C-alpha atoms as a PDB file:
ATOM      1  CA  MET A   1      11.954 -14.401   6.572  1.00  0.00           C
ATOM      2  CA  ASN A   2       9.677 -17.326   7.289  1.00  0.00           C
ATOM      3  CA  ALA A   3       6.747 -16.484   5.034  1.00  0.00           C
ATOM      4  CA  ALA A   4       4.505 -19.209   6.385  1.00  0.00           C
ATOM      5  CA  THR A   5       4.546 -18.004   9.985  1.00  0.00           C
ATOM      6  CA  ARG A   6       3.665 -14.304   9.662  1.00  0.00           C
ATOM      7  CA  PRO A   7      -0.098 -14.101  10.263  1.00  0.00           C
ATOM      8  CA  PHE A   8      -2.409 -12.772   7.608  1.00  0.00           C
ATOM      9  CA  ARG A   9      -3.987  -9.392   8.037  1.00  0.00           C
ATOM     10  CA  PHE A  10      -6.393  -7.673   5.699  1.00  0.00           C
ATOM     11  CA  GLY A  11      -7.477  -4.141   4.917  1.00  0.00           C
ATOM     12  CA  VAL A  12      -9.963  -2.288   2.740  1.00  0.00           C
ATOM     13  CA  LEU A  13      -9.036   0.542   0.369  1.00  0.00           C
ATOM     14  CA  THR A  14     -11.646   3.241  -0.143  1.00  0.00           C
ATOM     15  CA  LYS A  15     -11.886   6.677  -1.715  1.00  0.00           C
ATOM     16  CA  GLY A  16     -14.849   7.588   0.482  1.00  0.00           C
ATOM     17  CA  ALA A  17     -18.616   7.451   0.260  1.00  0.00           C
ATOM     18  CA  PRO A  18     -21.435   9.597  -1.208  1.00  0.00           C
ATOM     19  CA  SER A  19     -22.971  10.470   2.177  1.00  0.00           C
ATOM     20  CA  ARG A  20     -22.317  10.377   5.904  1.00  0.00           C
ATOM     21  CA  GLU A  21     -24.725   7.480   6.257  1.00  0.00           C
ATOM     22  CA  ALA A  22     -22.950   5.504   3.545  1.00  0.00           C
ATOM     23  CA  TRP A  23     -19.586   6.259   5.143  1.00  0.00           C
ATOM     24  CA  LEU A  24     -20.696   5.035   8.559  1.00  0.00           C
ATOM     25  CA  ASN A  25     -22.142   1.921   6.955  1.00  0.00           C
ATOM     26  CA  LEU A  26     -18.839   1.244   5.199  1.00  0.00           C
ATOM     27  CA  LEU A  27     -16.873   1.599   8.435  1.00  0.00           C
ATOM     28  CA  ALA A  28     -19.198  -0.854  10.171  1.00  0.00           C
ATOM     29  CA  ARG A  29     -18.906  -3.392   7.353  1.00  0.00           C
ATOM     30  CA  VAL A  30     -15.112  -3.189   7.405  1.00  0.00           C
ATOM     31  CA  GLU A  31     -14.800  -3.477  11.163  1.00  0.00           C
ATOM     32  CA  ASN A  32     -17.350  -6.282  11.441  1.00  0.00           C
ATOM     33  CA  GLY A  33     -15.990  -8.204   8.466  1.00  0.00           C
ATOM     34  CA  GLY A  34     -12.734  -9.424   9.993  1.00  0.00           C
ATOM     35  CA  PHE A  35     -10.617  -6.677   8.405  1.00  0.00           C
ATOM     36  CA  SER A  36      -8.067  -4.932  10.598  1.00  0.00           C
ATOM     37  CA  GLY A  37      -7.429  -1.786   8.587  1.00  0.00           C
ATOM     38  CA  LEU A  38      -8.862   1.004   6.459  1.00  0.00           C
ATOM     39  CA  HIS A  39      -6.759   2.558   3.688  1.00  0.00           C
ATOM     40  CA  VAL A  40      -7.210   5.746   1.671  1.00  0.00           C
ATOM     41  CA  PRO A  41      -5.063   6.758  -1.333  1.00  0.00           C
ATOM     42  CA  LEU A  42      -4.033  10.249  -2.408  1.00  0.00           C
ATOM     43  CA  HIS A  43      -4.955  11.217  -5.953  1.00  0.00           C
ATOM     44  CA  THR A  44      -6.594  14.160  -7.690  1.00  0.00           C
ATOM     45  CA  THR A  45      -9.672  12.084  -8.508  1.00  0.00           C
ATOM     46  CA  PRO A  46     -12.863  12.954  -6.582  1.00  0.00           C
ATOM     47  CA  GLN A  47     -12.230  11.311  -3.228  1.00  0.00           C
ATOM     48  CA  PHE A  48     -12.141  12.010   0.495  1.00  0.00           C
ATOM     49  CA  ALA A  49      -9.133  13.882   1.875  1.00  0.00           C
ATOM     50  CA  PRO A  50      -7.051  11.012   3.307  1.00  0.00           C
ATOM     51  CA  PHE A  51      -6.102  12.394   6.707  1.00  0.00           C
ATOM     52  CA  VAL A  52      -9.577  13.782   7.391  1.00  0.00           C
ATOM     53  CA  ALA A  53     -11.264  10.498   6.474  1.00  0.00           C
ATOM     54  CA  LEU A  54      -8.753   8.358   8.353  1.00  0.00           C
ATOM     55  CA  ALA A  55      -9.011  10.514  11.477  1.00  0.00           C
ATOM     56  CA  ASP A  56     -12.784  10.088  11.434  1.00  0.00           C
ATOM     57  CA  ALA A  57     -12.447   6.333  10.915  1.00  0.00           C
ATOM     58  CA  ALA A  58      -9.948   6.068  13.778  1.00  0.00           C
ATOM     59  CA  ALA A  59     -12.317   7.950  16.099  1.00  0.00           C
ATOM     60  CA  ARG A  60     -15.304   5.712  15.243  1.00  0.00           C
ATOM     61  CA  THR A  61     -13.634   2.283  15.019  1.00  0.00           C
ATOM     62  CA  SER A  62     -10.773   0.202  16.378  1.00  0.00           C
ATOM     63  CA  LEU A  63      -9.273  -0.155  12.883  1.00  0.00           C
ATOM     64  CA  THR A  64      -5.687   0.623  11.949  1.00  0.00           C
ATOM     65  CA  VAL A  65      -5.750   3.461   9.421  1.00  0.00           C
ATOM     66  CA  THR A  66      -3.269   3.871   6.593  1.00  0.00           C
ATOM     67  CA  THR A  67      -2.468   6.065   3.607  1.00  0.00           C
ATOM     68  CA  LEU A  68      -2.057   3.730   0.614  1.00  0.00           C
ATOM     69  CA  VAL A  69      -0.189   5.555  -0.545  1.00  0.00           C
ATOM     70  CA  HIS A  70       0.649   9.213  -0.076  1.00  0.00           C
ATOM     71  CA  ASN A  71       2.341  10.702  -3.147  1.00  0.00           C
ATOM     72  CA  ASN A  72       5.500  12.263  -1.747  1.00  0.00           C
ATOM     73  CA  ASP A  73       5.549  14.995  -4.385  1.00  0.00           C
ATOM     74  CA  LEU A  74       2.239  16.494  -3.241  1.00  0.00           C
ATOM     75  CA  GLN A  75       3.253  17.654   0.268  1.00  0.00           C
ATOM     76  CA  HIS A  76       6.423  18.752   1.999  1.00  0.00           C
ATOM     77  CA  PRO A  77       7.643  15.857   4.178  1.00  0.00           C
ATOM     78  CA  ALA A  78       8.048  18.046   7.265  1.00  0.00           C
ATOM     79  CA  LEU A  79       4.332  18.906   7.142  1.00  0.00           C
ATOM     80  CA  LEU A  80       3.456  15.300   6.300  1.00  0.00           C
ATOM     81  CA  GLY A  81       5.430  14.195   9.354  1.00  0.00           C
ATOM     82  CA  ARG A  82       3.365  16.526  11.531  1.00  0.00           C
ATOM     83  CA  ASP A  83       0.109  15.187  10.059  1.00  0.00           C
ATOM     84  CA  ALA A  84       1.284  11.616  10.651  1.00  0.00           C
ATOM     85  CA  THR A  85       2.252  12.247  14.270  1.00  0.00           C
ATOM     86  CA  THR A  86      -1.037  14.021  14.944  1.00  0.00           C
ATOM     87  CA  LEU A  87      -3.071  11.099  13.621  1.00  0.00           C
ATOM     88  CA  ALA A  88      -0.875   8.545  15.396  1.00  0.00           C
ATOM     89  CA  LEU A  89      -1.359  10.431  18.650  1.00  0.00           C
ATOM     90  CA  LEU A  90      -5.124  10.853  18.309  1.00  0.00           C
ATOM     91  CA  SER A  91      -5.603   7.215  17.239  1.00  0.00           C
ATOM     92  CA  GLU A  92      -3.393   5.918  20.069  1.00  0.00           C
ATOM     93  CA  GLY A  93      -0.858   4.440  17.668  1.00  0.00           C
ATOM     94  CA  ARG A  94      -3.235   3.035  15.051  1.00  0.00           C
ATOM     95  CA  PHE A  95      -1.834   4.958  12.080  1.00  0.00           C
ATOM     96  CA  GLU A  96       0.551   3.655   9.413  1.00  0.00           C
ATOM     97  CA  LEU A  97       2.024   6.096   6.916  1.00  0.00           C
ATOM     98  CA  GLY A  98       2.129   4.640   3.421  1.00  0.00           C
ATOM     99  CA  ILE A  99       4.251   6.699   1.048  1.00  0.00           C
ATOM    100  CA  GLY A 100       5.523   6.350  -2.501  1.00  0.00           C
ATOM    101  CA  ALA A 101       7.422   8.279  -5.147  1.00  0.00           C
ATOM    102  CA  GLY A 102       4.313   9.053  -7.237  1.00  0.00           C
ATOM    103  CA  TRP A 103       3.242   7.271 -10.392  1.00  0.00           C
ATOM    104  CA  MET A 104      -0.076   8.608 -11.712  1.00  0.00           C
ATOM    105  CA  GLU A 105       0.654  11.145 -14.460  1.00  0.00           C
ATOM    106  CA  ARG A 106      -2.808  12.665 -14.097  1.00  0.00           C
ATOM    107  CA  ASP A 107      -2.064  13.839 -10.537  1.00  0.00           C
ATOM    108  CA  TYR A 108       0.869  15.894 -11.783  1.00  0.00           C
ATOM    109  CA  ARG A 109      -0.859  17.198 -14.900  1.00  0.00           C
ATOM    110  CA  GLN A 110      -4.014  18.322 -13.106  1.00  0.00           C
ATOM    111  CA  LEU A 111      -2.018  20.148 -10.425  1.00  0.00           C
ATOM    112  CA  GLY A 112       0.436  21.710 -12.859  1.00  0.00           C
ATOM    113  CA  ILE A 113       3.387  19.927 -11.239  1.00  0.00           C
ATOM    114  CA  LEU A 114       6.312  18.673 -13.290  1.00  0.00           C
ATOM    115  CA  MET A 115       6.530  14.895 -13.166  1.00  0.00           C
ATOM    116  CA  ASP A 116      10.253  14.238 -12.986  1.00  0.00           C
ATOM    117  CA  PRO A 117      11.823  10.992 -14.229  1.00  0.00           C
ATOM    118  CA  GLY A 118      11.534   8.036 -11.892  1.00  0.00           C
ATOM    119  CA  ARG A 119      15.123   8.320 -10.650  1.00  0.00           C
ATOM    120  CA  GLU A 120      14.539  11.916  -9.528  1.00  0.00           C
ATOM    121  CA  ARG A 121      11.302  11.007  -7.778  1.00  0.00           C
ATOM    122  CA  VAL A 122      12.974   8.137  -5.927  1.00  0.00           C
ATOM    123  CA  ASP A 123      15.874  10.362  -4.829  1.00  0.00           C
ATOM    124  CA  ARG A 124      13.383  12.940  -3.569  1.00  0.00           C
ATOM    125  CA  LEU A 125      11.474  10.254  -1.664  1.00  0.00           C
ATOM    126  CA  ALA A 126      14.706   9.074  -0.012  1.00  0.00           C
ATOM    127  CA  GLU A 127      15.329  12.605   1.275  1.00  0.00           C
ATOM    128  CA  ALA A 128      11.708  12.908   2.375  1.00  0.00           C
ATOM    129  CA  ILE A 129      11.965   9.751   4.476  1.00  0.00           C
ATOM    130  CA  GLU A 130      15.066  11.161   6.191  1.00  0.00           C
ATOM    131  CA  ILE A 131      13.118  14.314   7.037  1.00  0.00           C
ATOM    132  CA  LEU A 132      10.187  12.286   8.324  1.00  0.00           C
ATOM    133  CA  ARG A 133      12.476  10.313  10.625  1.00  0.00           C
ATOM    134  CA  TYR A 134      14.109  13.503  11.931  1.00  0.00           C
ATOM    135  CA  SER A 135      10.734  15.166  12.485  1.00  0.00           C
ATOM    136  CA  TRP A 136       9.511  12.202  14.543  1.00  0.00           C
ATOM    137  CA  THR A 137      12.345  12.555  17.083  1.00  0.00           C
ATOM    138  CA  GLY A 138      10.773  15.702  18.538  1.00  0.00           C
ATOM    139  CA  GLU A 139      14.192  17.380  18.468  1.00  0.00           C
ATOM    140  CA  PRO A 140      15.036  20.516  16.434  1.00  0.00           C
ATOM    141  CA  PHE A 141      16.823  19.639  13.195  1.00  0.00           C
ATOM    142  CA  SER A 142      18.065  21.108   9.951  1.00  0.00           C
ATOM    143  CA  PHE A 143      18.440  19.306   6.648  1.00  0.00           C
ATOM    144  CA  GLN A 144      20.166  20.279   3.430  1.00  0.00           C
ATOM    145  CA  GLY A 145      19.641  18.023   0.428  1.00  0.00           C
ATOM    146  CA  LYS A 146      19.295  18.248  -3.310  1.00  0.00           C
ATOM    147  CA  HIS A 147      15.507  18.439  -3.147  1.00  0.00           C
ATOM    148  CA  TYR A 148      14.652  19.724   0.341  1.00  0.00           C
ATOM    149  CA  THR A 149      15.974  22.272   2.807  1.00  0.00           C
ATOM    150  CA  VAL A 150      14.790  22.395   6.413  1.00  0.00           C
ATOM    151  CA  GLU A 151      16.029  25.018   8.864  1.00  0.00           C
ATOM    152  CA  GLY A 152      15.692  24.566  12.617  1.00  0.00           C
ATOM    153  CA  LEU A 153      12.399  22.671  12.516  1.00  0.00           C
ATOM    154  CA  GLN A 154      11.035  20.751  15.500  1.00  0.00           C
ATOM    155  CA  GLY A 155       8.440  18.037  14.973  1.00  0.00           C
ATOM    156  CA  LEU A 156       5.776  16.736  17.319  1.00  0.00           C
ATOM    157  CA  VAL A 157       6.404  13.934  19.788  1.00  0.00           C
ATOM    158  CA  GLY A 158       3.967  11.037  19.508  1.00  0.00           C
ATOM    159  CA  PRO A 159       3.669   7.269  19.075  1.00  0.00           C
ATOM    160  CA  ARG A 160       5.978   5.549  16.649  1.00  0.00           C
ATOM    161  CA  VAL A 161       4.597   5.695  13.093  1.00  0.00           C
ATOM    162  CA  PRO A 162       5.149   2.492  11.074  1.00  0.00           C
ATOM    163  CA  LEU A 163       6.287   3.357   7.562  1.00  0.00           C
ATOM    164  CA  LEU A 164       4.862   1.553   4.532  1.00  0.00           C
ATOM    165  CA  VAL A 165       6.782   2.106   1.295  1.00  0.00           C
ATOM    166  CA  GLY A 166       5.429   1.151  -2.117  1.00  0.00           C
ATOM    167  CA  ALA A 167       8.221  -0.418  -4.166  1.00  0.00           C
ATOM    168  CA  GLY A 168       8.668  -2.300  -7.433  1.00  0.00           C
ATOM    169  CA  GLY A 169      12.052  -1.594  -8.985  1.00  0.00           C
ATOM    170  CA  ASP A 170      15.429  -2.421  -7.480  1.00  0.00           C
ATOM    171  CA  ARG A 171      16.213   1.156  -6.366  1.00  0.00           C
ATOM    172  CA  MET A 172      12.877   1.435  -4.593  1.00  0.00           C
ATOM    173  CA  LEU A 173      13.349  -2.007  -3.042  1.00  0.00           C
ATOM    174  CA  ARG A 174      16.750  -0.909  -1.693  1.00  0.00           C
ATOM    175  CA  LEU A 175      15.202   2.251  -0.273  1.00  0.00           C
ATOM    176  CA  ALA A 176      12.345   0.288   1.274  1.00  0.00           C
ATOM    177  CA  ALA A 177      14.807  -2.189   2.793  1.00  0.00           C
ATOM    178  CA  ARG A 178      16.623   0.681   4.526  1.00  0.00           C
ATOM    179  CA  SER A 179      13.576   2.508   5.808  1.00  0.00           C
ATOM    180  CA  ALA A 180      10.282   0.590   5.739  1.00  0.00           C
ATOM    181  CA  ASP A 181       8.397  -1.447   8.300  1.00  0.00           C
ATOM    182  CA  ILE A 182       6.021  -2.627   5.571  1.00  0.00           C
ATOM    183  CA  VAL A 183       6.825  -3.002   1.864  1.00  0.00           C
ATOM    184  CA  SER A 184       3.936  -2.846  -0.583  1.00  0.00           C
ATOM    185  CA  PHE A 185       4.845  -4.488  -3.882  1.00  0.00           C
ATOM    186  CA  SER A 186       3.913  -2.351  -6.864  1.00  0.00           C
ATOM    187  CA  ARG A 187       4.944  -1.994 -10.478  1.00  0.00           C
ATOM    188  CA  SER A 188       8.498  -1.004 -11.296  1.00  0.00           C
ATOM    189  CA  MET A 189       8.965   2.466 -12.776  1.00  0.00           C
ATOM    190  CA  SER A 190      11.373   0.934 -15.295  1.00  0.00           C
ATOM    191  CA  ALA A 191       9.081  -1.917 -16.334  1.00  0.00           C
ATOM    192  CA  GLY A 192       7.637  -0.106 -19.333  1.00  0.00           C
ATOM    193  CA  SER A 193       4.214   1.352 -19.963  1.00  0.00           C
ATOM    194  CA  THR A 194       2.411  -1.101 -22.250  1.00  0.00           C
ATOM    195  CA  PRO A 195      -0.324  -3.268 -20.714  1.00  0.00           C
ATOM    196  CA  ARG A 196       1.761  -6.382 -21.371  1.00  0.00           C
ATOM    197  CA  GLU A 197       4.882  -4.941 -19.735  1.00  0.00           C
ATOM    198  CA  ILE A 198       2.922  -3.845 -16.667  1.00  0.00           C
ATOM    199  CA  ALA A 199       1.205  -7.231 -16.432  1.00  0.00           C
ATOM    200  CA  ASP A 200       4.516  -9.104 -16.688  1.00  0.00           C
ATOM    201  CA  ASP A 201       6.035  -6.920 -13.978  1.00  0.00           C
ATOM    202  CA  MET A 202       3.186  -7.727 -11.567  1.00  0.00           C
ATOM    203  CA  SER A 203       3.121 -11.476 -12.272  1.00  0.00           C
ATOM    204  CA  LEU A 204       3.675 -14.005  -9.522  1.00  0.00           C
ATOM    205  CA  GLU A 205       7.115 -14.878 -10.899  1.00  0.00           C
ATOM    206  CA  SER A 206       8.138 -11.210 -10.984  1.00  0.00           C
ATOM    207  CA  THR A 207       6.814 -10.696  -7.459  1.00  0.00           C
ATOM    208  CA  GLU A 208       8.828 -13.701  -6.257  1.00  0.00           C
ATOM    209  CA  ARG A 209      11.951 -12.093  -7.758  1.00  0.00           C
ATOM    210  CA  LYS A 210      11.146  -8.802  -6.023  1.00  0.00           C
ATOM    211  CA  ALA A 211      10.661 -10.626  -2.723  1.00  0.00           C
ATOM    212  CA  ARG A 212      14.036 -12.364  -3.091  1.00  0.00           C
ATOM    213  CA  THR A 213      15.730  -9.068  -3.976  1.00  0.00           C
ATOM    214  CA  LEU A 214      14.124  -7.363  -1.004  1.00  0.00           C
ATOM    215  CA  ARG A 215      15.214 -10.134   1.375  1.00  0.00           C
ATOM    216  CA  ASP A 216      18.780  -9.798   0.096  1.00  0.00           C
ATOM    217  CA  HIS A 217      18.705  -6.049   0.779  1.00  0.00           C
ATOM    218  CA  LEU A 218      17.056  -6.492   4.184  1.00  0.00           C
ATOM    219  CA  GLY A 219      19.588  -8.936   5.563  1.00  0.00           C
ATOM    220  CA  ASP A 220      19.025  -9.308   9.302  1.00  0.00           C
ATOM    221  CA  ARG A 221      15.895  -7.133   9.110  1.00  0.00           C
ATOM    222  CA  ALA A 222      14.016  -9.592   6.890  1.00  0.00           C
ATOM    223  CA  ALA A 223      11.969 -11.157   9.679  1.00  0.00           C
ATOM    224  CA  ASP A 224      10.816  -7.749  10.928  1.00  0.00           C
ATOM    225  CA  VAL A 225       9.403  -6.385   7.665  1.00  0.00           C
ATOM    226  CA  GLU A 226       5.834  -7.140   6.566  1.00  0.00           C
ATOM    227  CA  LEU A 227       4.997  -7.611   2.872  1.00  0.00           C
ATOM    228  CA  ASN A 228       1.862  -6.145   1.358  1.00  0.00           C
ATOM    229  CA  VAL A 229      -0.035  -5.990  -1.917  1.00  0.00           C
ATOM    230  CA  LEU A 230      -3.195  -4.234  -3.110  1.00  0.00           C
ATOM    231  CA  VAL A 231      -5.633  -6.625  -4.795  1.00  0.00           C
ATOM    232  CA  VAL A 232      -7.257  -4.774  -7.696  1.00  0.00           C
ATOM    233  CA  ARG A 233      -9.379  -7.627  -9.124  1.00  0.00           C
ATOM    234  CA  ALA A 234     -11.350 -10.125  -7.048  1.00  0.00           C
ATOM    235  CA  GLY A 235     -14.207 -12.444  -7.885  1.00  0.00           C
ATOM    236  CA  THR A 236     -15.594 -15.959  -7.900  1.00  0.00           C
ATOM    237  CA  GLY A 237     -17.407 -18.113 -10.444  1.00  0.00           C
ATOM    238  CA  ALA A 238     -18.589 -16.492 -13.665  1.00  0.00           C
ATOM    239  CA  ASN A 239     -17.631 -13.025 -12.412  1.00  0.00           C
ATOM    240  CA  ALA A 240     -14.040 -14.163 -11.940  1.00  0.00           C
ATOM    241  CA  GLY A 241     -14.053 -15.697 -15.415  1.00  0.00           C
ATOM    242  CA  ARG A 242     -15.178 -12.450 -17.027  1.00  0.00           C
ATOM    243  CA  GLN A 243     -12.528 -10.426 -15.227  1.00  0.00           C
ATOM    244  CA  LEU A 244      -9.880 -12.953 -16.192  1.00  0.00           C
ATOM    245  CA  ASP A 245     -10.937 -12.918 -19.873  1.00  0.00           C
ATOM    246  CA  ASP A 246     -10.937  -9.112 -19.933  1.00  0.00           C
ATOM    247  CA  TYR A 247      -7.450  -8.952 -18.430  1.00  0.00           C
ATOM    248  CA  VAL A 248      -6.044 -11.543 -20.819  1.00  0.00           C
ATOM    249  CA  SER A 249      -7.579  -9.669 -23.762  1.00  0.00           C
ATOM    250  CA  ALA A 250      -6.188  -6.303 -22.611  1.00  0.00           C
ATOM    251  CA  THR A 251      -2.661  -7.475 -21.772  1.00  0.00           C
ATOM    252  CA  GLY A 252      -1.949 -10.512 -23.932  1.00  0.00           C
ATOM    253  CA  VAL A 253      -0.689 -12.595 -21.009  1.00  0.00           C
ATOM    254  CA  GLY A 254      -1.815 -16.172 -20.579  1.00  0.00           C
ATOM    255  CA  ALA A 255      -4.773 -17.079 -18.405  1.00  0.00           C
ATOM    256  CA  ALA A 256      -2.568 -19.010 -15.969  1.00  0.00           C
ATOM    257  CA  THR A 257      -0.313 -15.970 -15.475  1.00  0.00           C
ATOM    258  CA  ALA A 258      -3.310 -13.674 -15.006  1.00  0.00           C
ATOM    259  CA  ARG A 259      -4.915 -16.021 -12.481  1.00  0.00           C
ATOM    260  CA  GLN A 260      -1.731 -16.236 -10.378  1.00  0.00           C
ATOM    261  CA  THR A 261      -0.967 -12.492 -10.343  1.00  0.00           C
ATOM    262  CA  PRO A 262      -0.860 -11.346  -6.679  1.00  0.00           C
ATOM    263  CA  GLU A 263      -2.936  -8.268  -7.596  1.00  0.00           C
ATOM    264  CA  HIS A 264      -5.759 -10.664  -8.542  1.00  0.00           C
ATOM    265  CA  LEU A 265      -7.844 -12.973  -6.391  1.00  0.00           C
ATOM    266  CA  LEU A 266     -10.000 -14.897  -8.855  1.00  0.00           C
ATOM    267  CA  GLY A 267     -11.334 -18.420  -8.408  1.00  0.00           C
ATOM    268  CA  ARG A 268     -14.282 -20.778  -8.338  1.00  0.00           C
ATOM    269  CA  ASP A 269     -15.302 -20.105  -4.744  1.00  0.00           C
ATOM    270  CA  SER A 270     -14.086 -18.715  -1.419  1.00  0.00           C
ATOM    271  CA  GLN A 271     -12.185 -21.918  -0.614  1.00  0.00           C
ATOM    272  CA  GLU A 272     -10.106 -21.568  -3.773  1.00  0.00           C
ATOM    273  CA  LEU A 273      -9.450 -17.910  -2.955  1.00  0.00           C
ATOM    274  CA  ALA A 274      -8.216 -18.898   0.510  1.00  0.00           C
ATOM    275  CA  ASP A 275      -5.984 -21.581  -1.018  1.00  0.00           C
ATOM    276  CA  LEU A 276      -4.524 -19.027  -3.435  1.00  0.00           C
ATOM    277  CA  LEU A 277      -3.610 -16.672  -0.594  1.00  0.00           C
ATOM    278  CA  LEU A 278      -1.976 -19.482   1.364  1.00  0.00           C
ATOM    279  CA  GLU A 279       0.057 -20.508  -1.690  1.00  0.00           C
ATOM    280  CA  ARG A 280       1.142 -16.941  -2.394  1.00  0.00           C
ATOM    281  CA  ARG A 281       2.205 -16.361   1.195  1.00  0.00           C
ATOM    282  CA  ALA A 282       4.353 -19.499   0.994  1.00  0.00           C
ATOM    283  CA  ARG A 283       5.928 -18.409  -2.313  1.00  0.00           C
ATOM    284  CA  THR A 284       6.352 -14.651  -1.789  1.00  0.00           C
ATOM    285  CA  GLY A 285       6.039 -13.905   1.914  1.00  0.00           C
ATOM    286  CA  ILE A 286       3.089 -11.552   1.340  1.00  0.00           C
ATOM    287  CA  SER A 287       0.773 -11.768   4.333  1.00  0.00           C
ATOM    288  CA  TYR A 288      -0.866  -8.329   4.307  1.00  0.00           C
ATOM    289  CA  TYR A 289      -3.556  -7.943   1.640  1.00  0.00           C
ATOM    290  CA  VAL A 290      -5.685  -4.890   0.911  1.00  0.00           C
ATOM    291  CA  PHE A 291      -8.917  -5.135  -1.103  1.00  0.00           C
ATOM    292  CA  ARG A 292     -10.971  -2.446  -2.788  1.00  0.00           C
ATOM    293  CA  ASP A 293     -14.194  -1.549  -0.994  1.00  0.00           C
ATOM    294  CA  ALA A 294     -16.197  -2.842  -3.992  1.00  0.00           C
ATOM    295  CA  HIS A 295     -14.923  -6.346  -3.158  1.00  0.00           C
ATOM    296  CA  LEU A 296     -15.553  -6.168   0.591  1.00  0.00           C
ATOM    297  CA  ASP A 297     -18.540  -8.498   0.779  1.00  0.00           C
ATOM    298  CA  LEU A 298     -17.149 -10.916  -1.812  1.00  0.00           C
ATOM    299  CA  VAL A 299     -13.900 -11.571   0.053  1.00  0.00           C
ATOM    300  CA  ARG A 300     -15.386 -11.425   3.550  1.00  0.00           C
ATOM    301  CA  PRO A 301     -15.717 -15.241   3.860  1.00  0.00           C
ATOM    302  CA  VAL A 302     -12.029 -15.583   2.962  1.00  0.00           C
ATOM    303  CA  ILE A 303     -10.969 -12.957   5.470  1.00  0.00           C
ATOM    304  CA  GLU A 304     -13.022 -14.530   8.243  1.00  0.00           C
ATOM    305  CA  ARG A 305     -11.288 -17.850   7.517  1.00  0.00           C
ATOM    306  CA  LEU A 306      -7.699 -16.594   7.312  1.00  0.00           C
ATOM    307  CA  ALA A 307      -7.339 -13.388   9.380  1.00  0.00           C
ATOM    308  CA  GLY A 308      -4.725 -13.875  12.076  1.00  0.00           C
ATOM    309  CA  THR A 309      -3.705 -17.368  10.940  1.00  0.00           C
END
């Protein structure tokens, strides 16, 4: 995988907007700001329904639309496959299905669903991806696994749906290497739960190790798989300094580690932010960055400079 040659692309993650007018304004700002994609997560927090919001965005814009990410445990994969094909068809191939094994305890607790250990959730996701692939052939199929049973189901025929898999630990990286078109680096389920452990797992050095592990698992597929990360903190000047200080105080990591974390884009000005992204692409291969909608205007000068380069 030649990290330096895969062009940058950028997306915006949103949970929705308080009104139709605000939603339309957000779509216009994303599309006109050099971003290529709109992303919606799936959680039990107050937010837009992902497929409804993404279908509306696809109808009103030329953006690629993506779930980032769909919690596999909250919908049967055969029905998810049908939703994905429908949106891919109606958007003329501009839908990417992002899926993960689930990680937010609150989602499970609020819905009264048992949150199984990480190993069980990963095994269930592996079966789900098999079912998704079968459902996208348009041919009748049956499936008998430990977690799912499908009997004589036929999926819809539509455009190919690129699969984005969120992965952090080695088992998830192996699964992503077998099945994903895009791998979104996330925390490892086995990394621990303290702020320091989570911070260490998402450091630049840890992400480099994950990238190397993924490349080893990918083998000949390495050049065909895009690497992604969600940026959760972004800022310049004094704002960046405050966010950095808060993170260091909460986690106990050093300021240099916090500044270099791929989930962060914090610097003096937009030029330094652009330089950071170029350095990280060279070191990790990550070329696909998603920013929260709250950071849209702040990072817009960076995106306009780097998108497609």
